[in-house]
Amino acid sequence: MRLPWQKTADRVPATPPTRMETARARARFLARIFPFIRTTRMREVAALGVVLLFIGFFWSTWVVYPLRLLVVFFHEISHGLAAIATGGEIVEIQITPDQGGLCTTTGGNRIVILMAGYLGSLFWGGALLVLSSWPRLEKNLAALLGILVVVVACMYIRPVQGYGFAFMFLTGVVITLCAIHLPPLMNGLLLKVVGLTSCCYALLDIRRDTLENPPLHSDAQQLAVLTGVPVWAWGLIWFAVAVPALYVFLRMATRRPGVRRHRINRGASPAPPPADRAPEVPQEKVQPE
């Protein structure tokens, strides 16, 4: 007879899926969405293309507005990390409802700090794209992103009663809850949407601040004053770095993780099978007389 408290003890805990099983599940999911595409890699490319079209279609609406404000957060925290890396520190970060931001720092290399904003948001997005392509990392990566946003908001975003602090704190909480309650495929889709938005916004920000109508107090204008290099030249330099980096990120994000490629030399003849060994003849033991 089984006692009531023995019911849970006899249950075998479910083993988590391996990385290969998770990759196969994602491949089957993409095959159901894009049955007319043959290879898994091209299905990954098609999925990113659909996400990119979604972002572009709803770019000026409230649907993408939280993502654009999150990219502003990436831009400003990149300034702060550059200040810390060059010996300075962050004083405060401000984020306004009109997608504006300001990172106040002390010390550090000012040229490096100013350059880190545009390229930093690009590399934040690229890192999210690449890391979210690995199976069994989606939930942990989303939870880490949500906790990071909450911690940075509590430490640096001021004023506490302002719009920027409330928005970023709630955004971090929502991302953390998504990591806990959503399945890995949905978390991976969320990270890819955030990553692509960050990459696209970085390129648009570079074009707007350097080539179209540069604002008076933009990072590019301040760099031009410090270095004597014109604004349009900084724009070309950043584009020369950003476009190849985005291409590399997209290629890495559409690979098939967990699958090893083995090179096969078709011209070489197959190795001969090992020769059969002759049966060993037992030796007779000679007893001494």
C-alpha atoms as a PDB file:
ATOM      1  CA  MET A   1       0.000   0.000   0.000  1.00  0.00           C
ATOM      2  CA  ARG A   2       1.311   3.457  -0.895  1.00  0.00           C
ATOM      3  CA  LEU A   3       1.085   6.099   1.772  1.00  0.00           C
ATOM      4  CA  PRO A   4      -0.045   9.640   0.876  1.00  0.00           C
ATOM      5  CA  TRP A   5       3.322  11.206   1.555  1.00  0.00           C
ATOM      6  CA  GLN A   6       5.006   8.642  -0.699  1.00  0.00           C
ATOM      7  CA  LYS A   7       3.233   9.785  -3.869  1.00  0.00           C
ATOM      8  CA  THR A   8       5.535  12.683  -4.557  1.00  0.00           C
ATOM      9  CA  ALA A   9       8.625  10.767  -3.456  1.00  0.00           C
ATOM     10  CA  ASP A  10       8.081   8.019  -6.044  1.00  0.00           C
ATOM     11  CA  ARG A  11       7.749  10.433  -8.936  1.00  0.00           C
ATOM     12  CA  VAL A  12      10.724  10.614 -11.250  1.00  0.00           C
ATOM     13  CA  PRO A  13      11.691  14.260 -11.872  1.00  0.00           C
ATOM     14  CA  ALA A  14      11.521  15.307 -15.504  1.00  0.00           C
ATOM     15  CA  THR A  15      14.972  15.763 -17.004  1.00  0.00           C
ATOM     16  CA  PRO A  16      15.470  19.097 -18.785  1.00  0.00           C
ATOM     17  CA  PRO A  17      15.900  18.858 -22.557  1.00  0.00           C
ATOM     18  CA  THR A  18      19.414  18.852 -23.904  1.00  0.00           C
ATOM     19  CA  ARG A  19      20.757  21.597 -26.128  1.00  0.00           C
ATOM     20  CA  MET A  20      20.324  19.426 -29.221  1.00  0.00           C
ATOM     21  CA  GLU A  21      16.704  18.622 -28.328  1.00  0.00           C
ATOM     22  CA  THR A  22      15.957  22.307 -27.818  1.00  0.00           C
ATOM     23  CA  ALA A  23      17.558  23.171 -31.166  1.00  0.00           C
ATOM     24  CA  ARG A  24      15.478  20.490 -32.898  1.00  0.00           C
ATOM     25  CA  ALA A  25      12.295  21.773 -31.267  1.00  0.00           C
ATOM     26  CA  ARG A  26      13.063  25.278 -32.533  1.00  0.00           C
ATOM     27  CA  ALA A  27      13.808  23.891 -36.002  1.00  0.00           C
ATOM     28  CA  ARG A  28      10.446  22.072 -36.051  1.00  0.00           C
ATOM     29  CA  PHE A  29       8.698  25.275 -34.962  1.00  0.00           C
ATOM     30  CA  LEU A  30      10.307  27.260 -37.783  1.00  0.00           C
ATOM     31  CA  ALA A  31       9.470  24.471 -40.248  1.00  0.00           C
ATOM     32  CA  ARG A  32       5.777  24.794 -39.369  1.00  0.00           C
ATOM     33  CA  ILE A  33       5.889  28.569 -39.890  1.00  0.00           C
ATOM     34  CA  PHE A  34       7.981  28.499 -43.101  1.00  0.00           C
ATOM     35  CA  PRO A  35       7.213  25.127 -44.736  1.00  0.00           C
ATOM     36  CA  PHE A  36       8.170  26.457 -48.188  1.00  0.00           C
ATOM     37  CA  ILE A  37      11.799  27.091 -47.102  1.00  0.00           C
ATOM     38  CA  ARG A  38      14.038  24.040 -47.065  1.00  0.00           C
ATOM     39  CA  THR A  39      17.024  24.787 -44.836  1.00  0.00           C
ATOM     40  CA  THR A  40      16.898  25.718 -41.148  1.00  0.00           C
ATOM     41  CA  ARG A  41      19.354  28.564 -41.609  1.00  0.00           C
ATOM     42  CA  MET A  42      17.197  30.224 -44.266  1.00  0.00           C
ATOM     43  CA  ARG A  43      14.196  29.825 -41.977  1.00  0.00           C
ATOM     44  CA  GLU A  44      16.129  31.674 -39.275  1.00  0.00           C
ATOM     45  CA  VAL A  45      16.887  34.435 -41.795  1.00  0.00           C
ATOM     46  CA  ALA A  46      13.215  34.588 -42.780  1.00  0.00           C
ATOM     47  CA  ALA A  47      12.165  34.832 -39.130  1.00  0.00           C
ATOM     48  CA  LEU A  48      14.537  37.758 -38.558  1.00  0.00           C
ATOM     49  CA  GLY A  49      13.236  39.380 -41.738  1.00  0.00           C
ATOM     50  CA  VAL A  50       9.650  39.115 -40.497  1.00  0.00           C
ATOM     51  CA  VAL A  51      10.675  40.666 -37.173  1.00  0.00           C
ATOM     52  CA  LEU A  52      12.471  43.471 -39.011  1.00  0.00           C
ATOM     53  CA  LEU A  53       9.410  44.175 -41.151  1.00  0.00           C
ATOM     54  CA  PHE A  54       7.265  44.253 -38.020  1.00  0.00           C
ATOM     55  CA  ILE A  55       9.586  46.782 -36.384  1.00  0.00           C
ATOM     56  CA  GLY A  56       9.687  48.961 -39.486  1.00  0.00           C
ATOM     57  CA  PHE A  57       5.911  48.893 -39.983  1.00  0.00           C
ATOM     58  CA  PHE A  58       5.131  49.898 -36.389  1.00  0.00           C
ATOM     59  CA  TRP A  59       8.171  52.163 -35.937  1.00  0.00           C
ATOM     60  CA  SER A  60       6.222  55.373 -35.299  1.00  0.00           C
ATOM     61  CA  THR A  61       3.511  53.773 -33.158  1.00  0.00           C
ATOM     62  CA  TRP A  62       3.169  52.998 -29.465  1.00  0.00           C
ATOM     63  CA  VAL A  63       3.916  49.321 -30.209  1.00  0.00           C
ATOM     64  CA  VAL A  64       7.645  49.965 -30.788  1.00  0.00           C
ATOM     65  CA  TYR A  65       7.859  52.968 -28.461  1.00  0.00           C
ATOM     66  CA  PRO A  66       8.936  50.905 -25.393  1.00  0.00           C
ATOM     67  CA  LEU A  67      11.641  49.259 -27.487  1.00  0.00           C
ATOM     68  CA  ARG A  68      12.943  52.610 -28.710  1.00  0.00           C
ATOM     69  CA  LEU A  69      13.118  53.893 -25.142  1.00  0.00           C
ATOM     70  CA  LEU A  70      14.967  50.721 -24.116  1.00  0.00           C
ATOM     71  CA  VAL A  71      17.499  51.401 -26.882  1.00  0.00           C
ATOM     72  CA  VAL A  72      18.005  54.905 -25.467  1.00  0.00           C
ATOM     73  CA  PHE A  73      18.785  53.174 -22.183  1.00  0.00           C
ATOM     74  CA  PHE A  74      21.417  51.026 -23.951  1.00  0.00           C
ATOM     75  CA  HIS A  75      22.882  54.167 -25.522  1.00  0.00           C
ATOM     76  CA  GLU A  76      23.244  55.985 -22.208  1.00  0.00           C
ATOM     77  CA  ILE A  77      24.529  53.013 -20.212  1.00  0.00           C
ATOM     78  CA  SER A  78      27.192  52.531 -22.915  1.00  0.00           C
ATOM     79  CA  HIS A  79      28.444  56.066 -22.145  1.00  0.00           C
ATOM     80  CA  GLY A  80      28.549  55.172 -18.462  1.00  0.00           C
ATOM     81  CA  LEU A  81      30.396  51.874 -18.999  1.00  0.00           C
ATOM     82  CA  ALA A  82      32.968  53.675 -21.168  1.00  0.00           C
ATOM     83  CA  ALA A  83      33.482  56.202 -18.374  1.00  0.00           C
ATOM     84  CA  ILE A  84      34.004  53.437 -15.806  1.00  0.00           C
ATOM     85  CA  ALA A  85      36.372  51.566 -18.151  1.00  0.00           C
ATOM     86  CA  THR A  86      38.553  54.688 -18.589  1.00  0.00           C
ATOM     87  CA  GLY A  87      38.747  55.557 -14.899  1.00  0.00           C
ATOM     88  CA  GLY A  88      35.640  57.694 -14.437  1.00  0.00           C
ATOM     89  CA  GLU A  89      32.264  57.114 -12.843  1.00  0.00           C
ATOM     90  CA  ILE A  90      28.575  57.632 -13.530  1.00  0.00           C
ATOM     91  CA  VAL A  91      26.825  60.516 -11.771  1.00  0.00           C
ATOM     92  CA  GLU A  92      23.295  59.996 -13.098  1.00  0.00           C
ATOM     93  CA  ILE A  93      21.295  58.950 -16.159  1.00  0.00           C
ATOM     94  CA  GLN A  94      18.216  60.768 -17.411  1.00  0.00           C
ATOM     95  CA  ILE A  95      15.677  59.388 -19.892  1.00  0.00           C
ATOM     96  CA  THR A  96      12.838  61.588 -21.155  1.00  0.00           C
ATOM     97  CA  PRO A  97       9.516  60.612 -22.776  1.00  0.00           C
ATOM     98  CA  ASP A  98      10.559  62.124 -26.135  1.00  0.00           C
ATOM     99  CA  GLN A  99      13.257  59.409 -26.517  1.00  0.00           C
ATOM    100  CA  GLY A 100      15.984  61.675 -25.235  1.00  0.00           C
ATOM    101  CA  GLY A 101      18.689  60.723 -22.801  1.00  0.00           C
ATOM    102  CA  LEU A 102      21.610  62.155 -20.898  1.00  0.00           C
ATOM    103  CA  CYS A 103      24.416  60.360 -19.070  1.00  0.00           C
ATOM    104  CA  THR A 104      26.382  62.580 -16.692  1.00  0.00           C
ATOM    105  CA  THR A 105      29.856  61.269 -15.871  1.00  0.00           C
ATOM    106  CA  THR A 106      32.993  62.471 -14.111  1.00  0.00           C
ATOM    107  CA  GLY A 107      36.530  61.592 -15.136  1.00  0.00           C
ATOM    108  CA  GLY A 108      37.490  59.151 -17.839  1.00  0.00           C
ATOM    109  CA  ASN A 109      38.452  59.679 -21.454  1.00  0.00           C
ATOM    110  CA  ARG A 110      35.880  62.011 -22.959  1.00  0.00           C
ATOM    111  CA  ILE A 111      36.500  60.948 -26.557  1.00  0.00           C
ATOM    112  CA  VAL A 112      35.968  57.261 -25.715  1.00  0.00           C
ATOM    113  CA  ILE A 113      32.874  58.114 -23.678  1.00  0.00           C
ATOM    114  CA  LEU A 114      31.307  60.085 -26.542  1.00  0.00           C
ATOM    115  CA  MET A 115      32.085  57.362 -29.110  1.00  0.00           C
ATOM    116  CA  ALA A 116      30.601  54.593 -26.956  1.00  0.00           C
ATOM    117  CA  GLY A 117      26.982  55.722 -27.321  1.00  0.00           C
ATOM    118  CA  TYR A 118      26.207  54.912 -30.965  1.00  0.00           C
ATOM    119  CA  LEU A 119      28.370  51.808 -31.235  1.00  0.00           C
ATOM    120  CA  GLY A 120      27.405  50.653 -27.745  1.00  0.00           C
ATOM    121  CA  SER A 121      23.707  50.354 -28.569  1.00  0.00           C
ATOM    122  CA  LEU A 122      24.664  48.470 -31.738  1.00  0.00           C
ATOM    123  CA  PHE A 123      26.784  45.964 -29.822  1.00  0.00           C
ATOM    124  CA  TRP A 124      24.095  45.570 -27.148  1.00  0.00           C
ATOM    125  CA  GLY A 125      21.654  44.587 -29.870  1.00  0.00           C
ATOM    126  CA  GLY A 126      24.167  42.322 -31.594  1.00  0.00           C
ATOM    127  CA  ALA A 127      24.978  40.534 -28.332  1.00  0.00           C
ATOM    128  CA  LEU A 128      21.276  39.900 -27.702  1.00  0.00           C
ATOM    129  CA  LEU A 129      20.842  38.562 -31.234  1.00  0.00           C
ATOM    130  CA  VAL A 130      23.791  36.196 -31.023  1.00  0.00           C
ATOM    131  CA  LEU A 131      23.254  34.919 -27.486  1.00  0.00           C
ATOM    132  CA  SER A 132      19.522  34.361 -27.978  1.00  0.00           C
ATOM    133  CA  SER A 133      20.300  32.015 -30.883  1.00  0.00           C
ATOM    134  CA  TRP A 134      21.798  29.473 -28.465  1.00  0.00           C
ATOM    135  CA  PRO A 135      19.263  26.962 -27.138  1.00  0.00           C
ATOM    136  CA  ARG A 136      18.616  26.811 -23.381  1.00  0.00           C
ATOM    137  CA  LEU A 137      19.995  30.337 -22.892  1.00  0.00           C
ATOM    138  CA  GLU A 138      16.856  32.328 -23.726  1.00  0.00           C
ATOM    139  CA  LYS A 139      15.214  32.319 -20.284  1.00  0.00           C
ATOM    140  CA  ASN A 140      18.446  32.986 -18.386  1.00  0.00           C
ATOM    141  CA  LEU A 141      19.444  35.754 -20.771  1.00  0.00           C
ATOM    142  CA  ALA A 142      16.042  37.440 -20.545  1.00  0.00           C
ATOM    143  CA  ALA A 143      16.127  37.232 -16.736  1.00  0.00           C
ATOM    144  CA  LEU A 144      19.639  38.688 -16.684  1.00  0.00           C
ATOM    145  CA  LEU A 145      18.561  41.567 -18.948  1.00  0.00           C
ATOM    146  CA  GLY A 146      15.532  42.355 -16.782  1.00  0.00           C
ATOM    147  CA  ILE A 147      17.563  42.319 -13.559  1.00  0.00           C
ATOM    148  CA  LEU A 148      20.238  44.516 -15.172  1.00  0.00           C
ATOM    149  CA  VAL A 149      17.659  47.129 -16.196  1.00  0.00           C
ATOM    150  CA  VAL A 150      16.144  47.172 -12.682  1.00  0.00           C
ATOM    151  CA  VAL A 151      19.546  47.471 -10.962  1.00  0.00           C
ATOM    152  CA  VAL A 152      20.795  50.259 -13.245  1.00  0.00           C
ATOM    153  CA  ALA A 153      17.499  52.120 -12.850  1.00  0.00           C
ATOM    154  CA  CYS A 154      17.745  51.983  -9.055  1.00  0.00           C
ATOM    155  CA  MET A 155      21.412  52.999  -9.009  1.00  0.00           C
ATOM    156  CA  TYR A 156      21.699  55.700 -11.655  1.00  0.00           C
ATOM    157  CA  ILE A 157      18.451  56.853 -13.285  1.00  0.00           C
ATOM    158  CA  ARG A 158      17.330  60.120 -11.714  1.00  0.00           C
ATOM    159  CA  PRO A 159      15.077  61.677 -10.619  1.00  0.00           C
ATOM    160  CA  VAL A 160      13.403  58.747  -8.892  1.00  0.00           C
ATOM    161  CA  GLN A 161      10.018  60.438  -9.253  1.00  0.00           C
ATOM    162  CA  GLY A 162      10.586  61.001 -12.974  1.00  0.00           C
ATOM    163  CA  TYR A 163       9.213  59.261 -16.027  1.00  0.00           C
ATOM    164  CA  GLY A 164      12.492  57.590 -16.980  1.00  0.00           C
ATOM    165  CA  PHE A 165      12.963  55.788 -13.658  1.00  0.00           C
ATOM    166  CA  ALA A 166       9.370  54.525 -13.505  1.00  0.00           C
ATOM    167  CA  PHE A 167       9.407  53.340 -17.125  1.00  0.00           C
ATOM    168  CA  MET A 168      12.757  51.550 -16.977  1.00  0.00           C
ATOM    169  CA  PHE A 169      12.006  49.956 -13.595  1.00  0.00           C
ATOM    170  CA  LEU A 170       8.688  48.583 -14.878  1.00  0.00           C
ATOM    171  CA  THR A 171      10.357  47.470 -18.128  1.00  0.00           C
ATOM    172  CA  GLY A 172      12.946  45.477 -16.183  1.00  0.00           C
ATOM    173  CA  VAL A 173      10.238  43.874 -14.039  1.00  0.00           C
ATOM    174  CA  VAL A 174       8.190  42.919 -17.133  1.00  0.00           C
ATOM    175  CA  ILE A 175      11.213  41.368 -18.874  1.00  0.00           C
ATOM    176  CA  THR A 176      12.036  39.373 -15.731  1.00  0.00           C
ATOM    177  CA  LEU A 177       8.444  38.101 -15.474  1.00  0.00           C
ATOM    178  CA  CYS A 178       8.549  37.115 -19.149  1.00  0.00           C
ATOM    179  CA  ALA A 179      11.720  35.133 -18.468  1.00  0.00           C
ATOM    180  CA  ILE A 180       9.987  33.277 -15.634  1.00  0.00           C
ATOM    181  CA  HIS A 181       6.590  32.540 -17.194  1.00  0.00           C
ATOM    182  CA  LEU A 182       7.090  32.446 -20.979  1.00  0.00           C
ATOM    183  CA  PRO A 183       8.506  29.398 -22.812  1.00  0.00           C
ATOM    184  CA  PRO A 184      12.039  29.550 -24.248  1.00  0.00           C
ATOM    185  CA  LEU A 185      10.819  30.155 -27.803  1.00  0.00           C
ATOM    186  CA  MET A 186       8.901  33.260 -26.750  1.00  0.00           C
ATOM    187  CA  ASN A 187      11.841  34.546 -24.715  1.00  0.00           C
ATOM    188  CA  GLY A 188      14.102  34.034 -27.714  1.00  0.00           C
ATOM    189  CA  LEU A 189      11.677  35.965 -29.911  1.00  0.00           C
ATOM    190  CA  LEU A 190      11.530  38.793 -27.353  1.00  0.00           C
ATOM    191  CA  LEU A 191      15.329  39.049 -27.227  1.00  0.00           C
ATOM    192  CA  LYS A 192      15.593  39.017 -31.017  1.00  0.00           C
ATOM    193  CA  VAL A 193      13.042  41.830 -31.289  1.00  0.00           C
ATOM    194  CA  VAL A 194      14.955  43.910 -28.738  1.00  0.00           C
ATOM    195  CA  GLY A 195      18.291  43.137 -30.423  1.00  0.00           C
ATOM    196  CA  LEU A 196      17.109  44.032 -33.930  1.00  0.00           C
ATOM    197  CA  THR A 197      15.477  47.237 -32.673  1.00  0.00           C
ATOM    198  CA  SER A 198      18.704  48.265 -30.962  1.00  0.00           C
ATOM    199  CA  CYS A 199      20.769  47.601 -34.093  1.00  0.00           C
ATOM    200  CA  CYS A 200      18.353  49.456 -36.387  1.00  0.00           C
ATOM    201  CA  TYR A 201      17.982  52.384 -34.010  1.00  0.00           C
ATOM    202  CA  ALA A 202      21.779  52.724 -33.766  1.00  0.00           C
ATOM    203  CA  LEU A 203      22.113  52.989 -37.558  1.00  0.00           C
ATOM    204  CA  LEU A 204      19.228  55.463 -37.785  1.00  0.00           C
ATOM    205  CA  ASP A 205      20.676  57.483 -34.917  1.00  0.00           C
ATOM    206  CA  ILE A 206      24.066  57.701 -36.633  1.00  0.00           C
ATOM    207  CA  ARG A 207      22.474  58.819 -39.904  1.00  0.00           C
ATOM    208  CA  ARG A 208      20.290  61.439 -38.218  1.00  0.00           C
ATOM    209  CA  ASP A 209      23.024  62.919 -35.985  1.00  0.00           C
ATOM    210  CA  THR A 210      25.804  63.009 -38.574  1.00  0.00           C
ATOM    211  CA  LEU A 211      24.442  63.128 -42.121  1.00  0.00           C
ATOM    212  CA  GLU A 212      20.911  64.519 -42.167  1.00  0.00           C
ATOM    213  CA  ASN A 213      20.268  67.252 -39.575  1.00  0.00           C
ATOM    214  CA  PRO A 214      22.829  67.068 -36.753  1.00  0.00           C
ATOM    215  CA  PRO A 215      21.558  68.437 -33.410  1.00  0.00           C
ATOM    216  CA  LEU A 216      23.647  71.057 -31.677  1.00  0.00           C
ATOM    217  CA  HIS A 217      24.448  69.007 -28.567  1.00  0.00           C
ATOM    218  CA  SER A 218      24.735  65.529 -30.075  1.00  0.00           C
ATOM    219  CA  ASP A 219      27.674  63.231 -29.398  1.00  0.00           C
ATOM    220  CA  ALA A 220      28.933  63.751 -32.942  1.00  0.00           C
ATOM    221  CA  GLN A 221      28.961  67.544 -32.533  1.00  0.00           C
ATOM    222  CA  GLN A 222      30.871  67.317 -29.262  1.00  0.00           C
ATOM    223  CA  LEU A 223      33.397  64.944 -30.837  1.00  0.00           C
ATOM    224  CA  ALA A 224      33.855  67.351 -33.740  1.00  0.00           C
ATOM    225  CA  VAL A 225      34.622  70.162 -31.298  1.00  0.00           C
ATOM    226  CA  LEU A 226      37.090  68.037 -29.292  1.00  0.00           C
ATOM    227  CA  THR A 227      38.944  66.426 -32.187  1.00  0.00           C
ATOM    228  CA  GLY A 228      38.551  68.856 -35.085  1.00  0.00           C
ATOM    229  CA  VAL A 229      37.157  66.034 -37.284  1.00  0.00           C
ATOM    230  CA  PRO A 230      33.939  67.120 -39.011  1.00  0.00           C
ATOM    231  CA  VAL A 231      30.624  65.540 -38.094  1.00  0.00           C
ATOM    232  CA  TRP A 232      30.103  63.861 -41.465  1.00  0.00           C
ATOM    233  CA  ALA A 233      33.512  62.169 -41.159  1.00  0.00           C
ATOM    234  CA  TRP A 234      32.517  60.689 -37.795  1.00  0.00           C
ATOM    235  CA  GLY A 235      29.343  59.450 -39.423  1.00  0.00           C
ATOM    236  CA  LEU A 236      31.280  57.668 -42.159  1.00  0.00           C
ATOM    237  CA  ILE A 237      33.641  56.119 -39.587  1.00  0.00           C
ATOM    238  CA  TRP A 238      30.760  54.819 -37.500  1.00  0.00           C
ATOM    239  CA  PHE A 239      28.969  53.454 -40.546  1.00  0.00           C
ATOM    240  CA  ALA A 240      32.185  51.712 -41.640  1.00  0.00           C
ATOM    241  CA  VAL A 241      32.234  49.922 -38.275  1.00  0.00           C
ATOM    242  CA  ALA A 242      28.490  49.413 -37.764  1.00  0.00           C
ATOM    243  CA  VAL A 243      27.476  47.890 -41.112  1.00  0.00           C
ATOM    244  CA  PRO A 244      30.072  45.040 -41.145  1.00  0.00           C
ATOM    245  CA  ALA A 245      29.434  44.419 -37.431  1.00  0.00           C
ATOM    246  CA  LEU A 246      25.695  44.098 -38.078  1.00  0.00           C
ATOM    247  CA  TYR A 247      26.386  41.658 -40.931  1.00  0.00           C
ATOM    248  CA  VAL A 248      28.550  39.512 -38.644  1.00  0.00           C
ATOM    249  CA  PHE A 249      25.915  39.581 -35.907  1.00  0.00           C
ATOM    250  CA  LEU A 250      23.181  38.459 -38.305  1.00  0.00           C
ATOM    251  CA  ARG A 251      25.306  35.606 -39.638  1.00  0.00           C
ATOM    252  CA  MET A 252      26.123  34.424 -36.130  1.00  0.00           C
ATOM    253  CA  ALA A 253      22.481  34.730 -35.065  1.00  0.00           C
ATOM    254  CA  THR A 254      21.273  32.496 -37.921  1.00  0.00           C
ATOM    255  CA  ARG A 255      23.667  29.629 -37.404  1.00  0.00           C
ATOM    256  CA  ARG A 256      22.573  26.220 -36.140  1.00  0.00           C
ATOM    257  CA  PRO A 257      23.988  25.849 -32.626  1.00  0.00           C
ATOM    258  CA  GLY A 258      24.801  22.431 -31.331  1.00  0.00           C
ATOM    259  CA  VAL A 259      25.487  21.002 -34.817  1.00  0.00           C
ATOM    260  CA  ARG A 260      29.091  20.231 -35.613  1.00  0.00           C
ATOM    261  CA  ARG A 261      30.335  20.202 -39.157  1.00  0.00           C
ATOM    262  CA  HIS A 262      32.690  17.439 -40.187  1.00  0.00           C
ATOM    263  CA  ARG A 263      34.805  17.806 -43.303  1.00  0.00           C
ATOM    264  CA  ILE A 264      34.709  14.814 -45.626  1.00  0.00           C
ATOM    265  CA  ASN A 265      37.490  14.279 -48.141  1.00  0.00           C
ATOM    266  CA  ARG A 266      35.609  12.814 -51.086  1.00  0.00           C
ATOM    267  CA  GLY A 267      38.701  12.169 -53.176  1.00  0.00           C
ATOM    268  CA  ALA A 268      40.365   9.951 -50.615  1.00  0.00           C
ATOM    269  CA  SER A 269      39.655   6.241 -50.707  1.00  0.00           C
ATOM    270  CA  PRO A 270      38.050   4.759 -47.643  1.00  0.00           C
ATOM    271  CA  ALA A 271      40.389   3.202 -45.127  1.00  0.00           C
ATOM    272  CA  PRO A 272      40.656  -0.584 -45.422  1.00  0.00           C
ATOM    273  CA  PRO A 273      39.063  -2.579 -42.649  1.00  0.00           C
ATOM    274  CA  PRO A 274      41.439  -3.987 -40.077  1.00  0.00           C
ATOM    275  CA  ALA A 275      42.812  -7.396 -40.892  1.00  0.00           C
ATOM    276  CA  ASP A 276      41.438 -10.303 -38.920  1.00  0.00           C
ATOM    277  CA  ARG A 277      43.781 -11.567 -36.353  1.00  0.00           C
ATOM    278  CA  ALA A 278      44.807 -15.215 -36.403  1.00  0.00           C
ATOM    279  CA  PRO A 279      43.362 -17.156 -33.516  1.00  0.00           C
ATOM    280  CA  GLU A 280      45.767 -17.572 -30.722  1.00  0.00           C
ATOM    281  CA  VAL A 281      46.985 -21.146 -30.191  1.00  0.00           C
ATOM    282  CA  PRO A 282      47.066 -22.040 -26.559  1.00  0.00           C
ATOM    283  CA  GLN A 283      50.516 -23.055 -25.477  1.00  0.00           C
ATOM    284  CA  GLU A 284      50.930 -26.355 -23.678  1.00  0.00           C
ATOM    285  CA  LYS A 285      52.375 -26.171 -20.278  1.00  0.00           C
ATOM    286  CA  VAL A 286      55.482 -28.313 -19.846  1.00  0.00           C
ATOM    287  CA  GLN A 287      55.647 -29.876 -16.450  1.00  0.00           C
ATOM    288  CA  PRO A 288      59.085 -30.567 -15.063  1.00  0.00           C
ATOM    289  CA  GLU A 289      60.019 -34.253 -14.816  1.00  0.00           C
END
